Each structure stands twice: as C-alpha cells, then as structure tokens.
Amino acid sequence: MIVTGYAATRTHKITTGQKTANRVLAVGRAPVEHAFAHLKNWRILTKLRTDPARATQLLRALLVLTNLEVSR
C-alpha cells in the first residue's frame, strides 16, 4: 500500500487536519529516505546479485553499521 499526502490546488485548499496528516507522514518518511541515501554510498550494493532474502539481511546489517557510525 502506498500512502501519499494531501495536495492543494488553486481552487481547493487543504484543511488544518490534512496539513497535520502531511506533517505526520513527512516525519515518518524522513528517516527512511535518509537511510536509502546512506545506503547509496555503499558501493557493494551496485554489484549485489543475490536472492532478496539475503539482500534484506545485508541491508539490515549495513543500516545497523551506519546507525552505529552516525551515533558516535
């Protein structure tokens, strides 16, 4: 399922509740986008040719290492 925010048009302004919903969505989306940006720096991922389950384990390990590096 893909969750998208509310969009305003020239003729239809978004409500305060919709603005709040957009903010909540952005707060949840930001860490994920930052994680993908960090993963793009790992060159090994450009040559990754393996099954999805193994790739998921590798990505999780890389995220743990990245988070440990950032927190230091």
N, C-alpha and C. Protein backbone atom coordinates (compact mmCIF):
# COMPACT_ATOMS: atom_id res chain seq x y z
N MET A 1 0.85 -1.17 0.00
CA MET A 1 0.00 0.00 0.00
C MET A 1 0.90 1.24 0.00
N ILE A 2 0.58 2.18 -0.83
CA ILE A 2 1.32 3.43 -0.91
C ILE A 2 0.50 4.53 -0.26
N VAL A 3 1.12 5.25 0.66
CA VAL A 3 0.44 6.34 1.36
C VAL A 3 1.02 7.65 0.85
N THR A 4 0.17 8.50 0.35
CA THR A 4 0.61 9.80 -0.14
C THR A 4 -0.09 10.89 0.65
N GLY A 5 0.49 12.06 0.64
CA GLY A 5 -0.09 13.19 1.36
C GLY A 5 -1.20 13.85 0.56
N TYR A 6 -1.82 14.80 1.20
CA TYR A 6 -2.88 15.58 0.55
C TYR A 6 -2.24 16.70 -0.25
N ALA A 7 -2.80 16.98 -1.41
CA ALA A 7 -2.28 18.04 -2.27
C ALA A 7 -3.33 19.14 -2.42
N ALA A 8 -2.87 20.37 -2.37
CA ALA A 8 -3.76 21.51 -2.57
C ALA A 8 -3.72 21.92 -4.04
N THR A 9 -4.80 22.48 -4.50
CA THR A 9 -4.86 23.03 -5.85
C THR A 9 -5.20 24.51 -5.75
N ARG A 10 -5.26 25.14 -6.87
CA ARG A 10 -5.64 26.56 -6.85
C ARG A 10 -7.03 26.77 -6.30
N THR A 11 -7.92 25.85 -6.60
CA THR A 11 -9.31 26.02 -6.19
C THR A 11 -9.66 25.28 -4.90
N HIS A 12 -8.81 24.38 -4.45
CA HIS A 12 -9.11 23.59 -3.27
C HIS A 12 -7.93 23.62 -2.29
N LYS A 13 -8.09 24.37 -1.22
CA LYS A 13 -7.06 24.45 -0.19
C LYS A 13 -7.21 23.24 0.75
N ILE A 14 -6.10 22.82 1.35
CA ILE A 14 -6.20 21.70 2.27
C ILE A 14 -6.51 22.21 3.67
N THR A 15 -7.18 21.36 4.44
CA THR A 15 -7.61 21.75 5.78
C THR A 15 -6.44 21.63 6.76
N THR A 16 -6.66 22.14 7.96
CA THR A 16 -5.64 22.04 9.00
C THR A 16 -5.36 20.58 9.34
N GLY A 17 -6.38 19.76 9.38
CA GLY A 17 -6.21 18.33 9.65
C GLY A 17 -5.38 17.65 8.56
N GLN A 18 -5.61 18.03 7.31
CA GLN A 18 -4.84 17.46 6.21
C GLN A 18 -3.38 17.91 6.28
N LYS A 19 -3.16 19.17 6.68
CA LYS A 19 -1.79 19.65 6.85
C LYS A 19 -1.08 18.86 7.94
N THR A 20 -1.79 18.60 9.03
CA THR A 20 -1.22 17.81 10.12
C THR A 20 -0.90 16.40 9.65
N ALA A 21 -1.81 15.81 8.88
CA ALA A 21 -1.58 14.47 8.35
C ALA A 21 -0.35 14.46 7.44
N ASN A 22 -0.17 15.49 6.63
CA ASN A 22 1.01 15.59 5.77
C ASN A 22 2.29 15.69 6.60
N ARG A 23 2.23 16.45 7.69
CA ARG A 23 3.40 16.59 8.57
C ARG A 23 3.77 15.26 9.21
N VAL A 24 2.76 14.53 9.69
CA VAL A 24 3.00 13.23 10.32
C VAL A 24 3.61 12.26 9.30
N LEU A 25 3.10 12.29 8.10
CA LEU A 25 3.63 11.43 7.04
C LEU A 25 5.08 11.80 6.73
N ALA A 26 5.38 13.08 6.68
CA ALA A 26 6.75 13.52 6.39
C ALA A 26 7.72 13.12 7.49
N VAL A 27 7.26 13.19 8.74
CA VAL A 27 8.12 12.80 9.87
C VAL A 27 8.45 11.31 9.80
N GLY A 28 7.50 10.51 9.40
CA GLY A 28 7.74 9.07 9.27
C GLY A 28 8.57 8.72 8.04
N ARG A 29 8.45 9.51 7.01
CA ARG A 29 9.15 9.23 5.76
C ARG A 29 10.61 9.66 5.79
N ALA A 30 10.94 10.70 6.52
CA ALA A 30 12.29 11.26 6.52
C ALA A 30 13.37 10.25 6.90
N PRO A 31 13.23 9.49 7.99
CA PRO A 31 14.29 8.53 8.33
C PRO A 31 14.51 7.47 7.25
N VAL A 32 13.43 7.06 6.62
CA VAL A 32 13.55 6.05 5.56
C VAL A 32 14.31 6.62 4.38
N GLU A 33 13.99 7.84 3.99
CA GLU A 33 14.69 8.47 2.87
C GLU A 33 16.16 8.70 3.20
N HIS A 34 16.45 9.06 4.44
CA HIS A 34 17.85 9.25 4.85
C HIS A 34 18.59 7.92 4.81
N ALA A 35 17.93 6.84 5.24
CA ALA A 35 18.56 5.52 5.21
C ALA A 35 18.89 5.11 3.78
N PHE A 36 17.97 5.32 2.85
CA PHE A 36 18.24 4.99 1.45
C PHE A 36 19.38 5.85 0.90
N ALA A 37 19.43 7.09 1.29
CA ALA A 37 20.53 7.95 0.84
C ALA A 37 21.86 7.44 1.35
N HIS A 38 21.89 6.99 2.60
CA HIS A 38 23.13 6.43 3.15
C HIS A 38 23.51 5.13 2.45
N LEU A 39 22.51 4.30 2.15
CA LEU A 39 22.79 3.02 1.50
C LEU A 39 23.37 3.20 0.11
N LYS A 40 23.02 4.29 -0.55
CA LYS A 40 23.55 4.53 -1.89
C LYS A 40 25.06 4.77 -1.86
N ASN A 41 25.60 5.11 -0.70
CA ASN A 41 27.04 5.32 -0.57
C ASN A 41 27.81 4.00 -0.48
N TRP A 42 27.14 2.91 -0.21
CA TRP A 42 27.79 1.61 -0.11
C TRP A 42 27.94 1.03 -1.51
N ARG A 43 29.13 1.01 -2.03
CA ARG A 43 29.38 0.57 -3.40
C ARG A 43 29.08 -0.90 -3.63
N ILE A 44 29.14 -1.70 -2.56
CA ILE A 44 28.88 -3.13 -2.73
C ILE A 44 27.46 -3.39 -3.24
N LEU A 45 26.55 -2.48 -2.96
CA LEU A 45 25.16 -2.68 -3.39
C LEU A 45 25.01 -2.57 -4.90
N THR A 46 25.94 -1.91 -5.58
CA THR A 46 25.83 -1.79 -7.04
C THR A 46 26.13 -3.11 -7.73
N LYS A 47 26.86 -4.00 -7.05
CA LYS A 47 27.23 -5.28 -7.64
C LYS A 47 26.50 -6.44 -6.97
N LEU A 48 25.48 -6.15 -6.21
CA LEU A 48 24.77 -7.17 -5.45
C LEU A 48 23.92 -8.02 -6.38
N ARG A 49 24.23 -9.31 -6.43
CA ARG A 49 23.46 -10.26 -7.24
C ARG A 49 23.15 -11.46 -6.37
N THR A 50 22.07 -11.37 -5.62
CA THR A 50 21.70 -12.44 -4.71
C THR A 50 20.19 -12.47 -4.55
N ASP A 51 19.70 -13.47 -3.83
CA ASP A 51 18.26 -13.56 -3.64
C ASP A 51 17.79 -12.48 -2.66
N PRO A 52 16.54 -12.08 -2.75
CA PRO A 52 16.02 -10.97 -1.95
C PRO A 52 16.16 -11.18 -0.44
N ALA A 53 16.00 -12.41 0.04
CA ALA A 53 16.11 -12.66 1.49
C ALA A 53 17.52 -12.35 1.98
N ARG A 54 18.50 -12.76 1.22
CA ARG A 54 19.89 -12.50 1.62
C ARG A 54 20.21 -11.01 1.49
N ALA A 55 19.67 -10.37 0.47
CA ALA A 55 19.89 -8.94 0.29
C ALA A 55 19.27 -8.16 1.46
N THR A 56 18.12 -8.60 1.94
CA THR A 56 17.47 -7.94 3.07
C THR A 56 18.34 -8.03 4.31
N GLN A 57 18.93 -9.20 4.55
CA GLN A 57 19.83 -9.35 5.71
C GLN A 57 21.03 -8.44 5.58
N LEU A 58 21.59 -8.34 4.39
CA LEU A 58 22.74 -7.48 4.17
C LEU A 58 22.38 -6.01 4.39
N LEU A 59 21.23 -5.59 3.87
CA LEU A 59 20.80 -4.21 4.05
C LEU A 59 20.56 -3.88 5.52
N ARG A 60 19.97 -4.82 6.25
CA ARG A 60 19.75 -4.59 7.69
C ARG A 60 21.08 -4.42 8.42
N ALA A 61 22.05 -5.27 8.08
CA ALA A 61 23.37 -5.17 8.72
C ALA A 61 24.03 -3.85 8.38
N LEU A 62 23.92 -3.41 7.14
CA LEU A 62 24.51 -2.14 6.74
C LEU A 62 23.85 -0.97 7.46
N LEU A 63 22.54 -1.04 7.64
CA LEU A 63 21.85 0.03 8.36
C LEU A 63 22.28 0.08 9.82
N VAL A 64 22.47 -1.08 10.43
CA VAL A 64 22.94 -1.11 11.82
C VAL A 64 24.32 -0.48 11.91
N LEU A 65 25.22 -0.85 11.00
CA LEU A 65 26.56 -0.29 11.00
C LEU A 65 26.53 1.22 10.76
N THR A 66 25.68 1.65 9.85
CA THR A 66 25.57 3.08 9.55
C THR A 66 25.04 3.84 10.77
N ASN A 67 24.03 3.30 11.44
CA ASN A 67 23.47 3.96 12.61
C ASN A 67 24.47 4.01 13.75
N LEU A 68 25.27 2.97 13.92
CA LEU A 68 26.30 2.99 14.94
C LEU A 68 27.35 4.04 14.63
N GLU A 69 27.68 4.16 13.34
CA GLU A 69 28.69 5.14 12.91
C GLU A 69 28.18 6.56 13.12
N VAL A 70 26.92 6.82 12.83
CA VAL A 70 26.35 8.16 12.95
C VAL A 70 26.24 8.56 14.42
N SER A 71 25.90 7.61 15.30
CA SER A 71 25.70 7.94 16.71
C SER A 71 27.00 8.21 17.44
N ARG A 72 28.12 7.80 16.89
CA ARG A 72 29.41 8.05 17.57
C ARG A 72 29.79 9.45 17.40
